[in-house]
């Protein structure tokens, strides 16, 4: 393969990764060196189950892609081995899965990422991981919305019971 072909292939890869970064609801960058094959397999299965794409990509490609995607400040985390988790749907899923996995696997270290197109520090990614999932948030909202209806129903029942007792 000629050097022009290699350069063209790398440029194409930069474009593909930049598009993934632009489309992602959240991006989490980790250092996963030192994970055993078994740990890596389990982690990838968990991420895939939540529709999170997880790839090991060269830092030079990641830096150029981040610049192209308007995430220039993200380039500072592309030092040493980097694996990137992209989620197009669920903002919380990659942070939650990777953070929970890092608690048991010392070899996995969160380096930073991006949330809804804004660069996020390691601390912000960990804070995002502590939020309930989308389903948990919807459940909380539903219970908050049901409380007033339940209270009105109880009040109407109490009034009806009082009228019955009076009669």
Protein backbone atom coordinates (compact mmCIF):
# COMPACT_ATOMS: atom_id res chain seq x y z
CA UNK A 1 0.00 0.00 0.00
CA UNK A 2 1.41 3.38 -0.96
CA UNK A 3 1.89 6.16 1.54
CA UNK A 4 -0.83 8.22 -0.22
CA UNK A 5 -3.28 5.35 0.24
CA UNK A 6 -2.36 5.06 3.93
CA UNK A 7 -2.81 8.82 4.44
CA UNK A 8 -6.18 8.70 2.65
CA UNK A 9 -7.29 5.75 4.83
CA UNK A 10 -6.30 7.63 8.00
CA UNK A 11 -8.10 10.78 6.81
CA UNK A 12 -11.21 8.68 6.18
CA UNK A 13 -10.93 7.17 9.68
CA UNK A 14 -10.63 10.68 11.17
CA UNK A 15 -13.83 11.67 9.33
CA UNK A 16 -15.69 8.57 10.57
CA UNK A 17 -14.61 9.13 14.21
CA UNK A 18 -15.43 12.87 13.98
CA UNK A 19 -18.95 11.99 12.79
CA UNK A 20 -19.34 9.55 15.70
CA UNK A 21 -18.25 12.32 18.10
CA UNK A 22 -20.71 14.82 16.61
CA UNK A 23 -23.60 12.33 16.73
CA UNK A 24 -22.87 11.06 20.25
CA UNK A 25 -25.06 12.08 23.18
CA UNK A 26 -22.07 11.24 25.38
CA UNK A 27 -18.48 10.12 24.97
CA UNK A 28 -16.36 8.56 27.71
CA UNK A 29 -12.61 8.11 27.27
CA UNK A 30 -10.86 5.48 29.39
CA UNK A 31 -7.49 3.83 29.81
CA UNK A 32 -8.26 0.12 29.72
CA UNK A 33 -4.75 -1.33 29.54
CA UNK A 34 -4.24 -4.03 32.10
CA UNK A 35 -7.75 -5.46 31.81
CA UNK A 36 -7.76 -9.20 31.40
CA UNK A 37 -9.30 -10.68 28.25
CA UNK A 38 -12.21 -11.91 30.37
CA UNK A 39 -12.78 -8.46 31.92
CA UNK A 40 -12.59 -6.80 28.51
CA UNK A 41 -15.11 -9.29 27.08
CA UNK A 42 -17.55 -8.72 29.96
CA UNK A 43 -17.19 -4.92 29.69
CA UNK A 44 -17.77 -4.92 25.93
CA UNK A 45 -20.84 -7.18 26.35
CA UNK A 46 -22.33 -4.82 28.97
CA UNK A 47 -21.70 -1.79 26.76
CA UNK A 48 -23.13 -3.49 23.67
CA UNK A 49 -26.23 -4.44 25.68
CA UNK A 50 -26.84 -0.72 26.29
CA UNK A 51 -26.13 0.16 22.65
CA UNK A 52 -22.82 1.82 23.50
CA UNK A 53 -20.03 1.54 20.94
CA UNK A 54 -16.59 0.90 22.49
CA UNK A 55 -13.40 1.20 20.43
CA UNK A 56 -9.66 1.47 20.94
CA UNK A 57 -8.44 4.19 18.57
CA UNK A 58 -5.01 5.78 18.10
CA UNK A 59 -4.61 9.09 19.92
CA UNK A 60 -3.46 10.91 16.77
CA UNK A 61 -6.72 9.92 15.04
CA UNK A 62 -8.75 10.86 18.14
CA UNK A 63 -7.10 14.29 18.42
CA UNK A 64 -7.74 15.17 14.78
CA UNK A 65 -11.31 13.83 14.97
CA UNK A 66 -12.01 15.82 18.16
CA UNK A 67 -10.73 18.97 16.47
CA UNK A 68 -12.93 18.30 13.45
CA UNK A 69 -15.96 17.66 15.72
CA UNK A 70 -15.44 20.94 17.60
CA UNK A 71 -14.20 19.20 20.77
CA UNK A 72 -10.63 20.55 20.74
CA UNK A 73 -10.44 20.61 24.55
CA UNK A 74 -11.02 16.84 24.60
CA UNK A 75 -7.57 16.33 23.00
CA UNK A 76 -5.92 16.69 26.42
CA UNK A 77 -7.28 13.30 27.56
CA UNK A 78 -5.85 11.48 24.54
CA UNK A 79 -2.60 10.58 26.28
CA UNK A 80 -1.50 6.98 26.70
CA UNK A 81 -3.74 4.12 25.60
CA UNK A 82 -7.27 5.36 24.95
CA UNK A 83 -10.52 3.50 24.47
CA UNK A 84 -13.64 5.49 23.65
CA UNK A 85 -17.29 4.71 24.42
CA UNK A 86 -19.88 6.44 22.20
CA UNK A 87 -23.59 6.52 23.02
CA UNK A 88 -26.04 8.08 20.59
CA UNK A 89 -29.17 7.56 22.70
CA UNK A 90 -28.53 7.29 26.43
CA UNK A 91 -26.34 10.04 27.87
CA UNK A 92 -25.84 8.24 31.19
CA UNK A 93 -25.26 4.62 30.07
CA UNK A 94 -21.56 4.73 29.09
CA UNK A 95 -20.58 6.73 32.19
CA UNK A 96 -22.59 4.46 34.50
CA UNK A 97 -21.33 1.18 33.01
CA UNK A 98 -17.68 2.26 32.86
CA UNK A 99 -17.73 3.84 36.33
CA UNK A 100 -19.35 0.77 37.90
CA UNK A 101 -16.90 -1.52 36.09
CA UNK A 102 -13.93 0.61 37.23
CA UNK A 103 -14.95 0.04 40.89
CA UNK A 104 -14.14 -3.68 40.51
CA UNK A 105 -11.42 -3.43 37.86
CA UNK A 106 -8.53 -1.26 39.04
CA UNK A 107 -6.99 -1.39 35.56
CA UNK A 108 -9.85 0.66 34.06
CA UNK A 109 -9.47 4.41 34.52
CA UNK A 110 -11.89 7.08 33.29
CA UNK A 111 -9.95 9.96 31.71
CA UNK A 112 -12.75 12.33 30.65
CA UNK A 113 -15.26 12.73 27.88
CA UNK A 114 -18.02 14.84 26.41
CA UNK A 115 -21.68 15.25 27.32
CA UNK A 116 -24.12 16.60 24.71
CA UNK A 117 -21.24 18.17 22.75
CA UNK A 118 -19.51 19.79 25.75
CA UNK A 119 -16.17 18.54 27.06
CA UNK A 120 -16.45 16.96 30.52
CA UNK A 121 -13.80 16.23 33.14
CA UNK A 122 -13.31 12.88 34.82
CA UNK A 123 -15.20 14.23 37.86
CA UNK A 124 -18.17 15.31 35.70
CA UNK A 125 -18.30 11.87 34.05
CA UNK A 126 -18.29 10.19 37.50
CA UNK A 127 -21.04 12.60 38.67
CA UNK A 128 -23.08 11.73 35.56
CA UNK A 129 -22.64 8.03 36.40
CA UNK A 130 -24.26 8.58 39.79
CA UNK A 131 -27.51 9.82 38.21
CA UNK A 132 -30.35 7.33 37.86
CA UNK A 133 -30.89 5.81 34.41
CA UNK A 134 -33.46 7.23 32.00
CA UNK A 135 -35.97 4.63 33.17
CA UNK A 136 -35.27 5.54 36.81
CA UNK A 137 -35.80 9.24 36.09
CA UNK A 138 -39.06 8.52 34.25
CA UNK A 139 -40.21 6.39 37.16
CA UNK A 140 -39.47 9.23 39.61
CA UNK A 141 -41.35 11.70 37.39
CA UNK A 142 -44.34 9.38 37.16
CA UNK A 143 -44.53 8.97 40.93
CA UNK A 144 -44.35 12.75 41.40
CA UNK A 145 -47.16 13.24 38.88
CA UNK A 146 -49.32 10.52 40.48
CA UNK A 147 -49.12 11.95 44.02
CA UNK A 148 -51.52 14.93 43.46
CA UNK A 149 -54.06 12.68 41.71
CA UNK A 150 -53.90 10.20 44.59
CA UNK A 151 -54.36 13.03 47.12
CA UNK A 152 -57.43 14.39 45.27
CA UNK A 153 -58.93 10.88 45.15
CA UNK A 154 -58.38 10.46 48.89
CA UNK A 155 -59.96 13.87 49.61
CA UNK A 156 -63.04 13.05 47.49
CA UNK A 157 -63.37 9.69 49.23
CA UNK A 158 -63.09 11.37 52.66
CA UNK A 159 -65.83 13.88 51.73
CA UNK A 160 -68.04 11.04 50.44
CA UNK A 161 -67.46 9.05 53.63
CA UNK A 162 -68.36 12.10 55.78
CA UNK A 163 -71.59 12.65 53.82
CA UNK A 164 -72.47 8.96 54.20
CA UNK A 165 -71.87 9.12 57.95
CA UNK A 166 -74.00 12.27 58.22
CA UNK A 167 -76.83 10.64 56.36
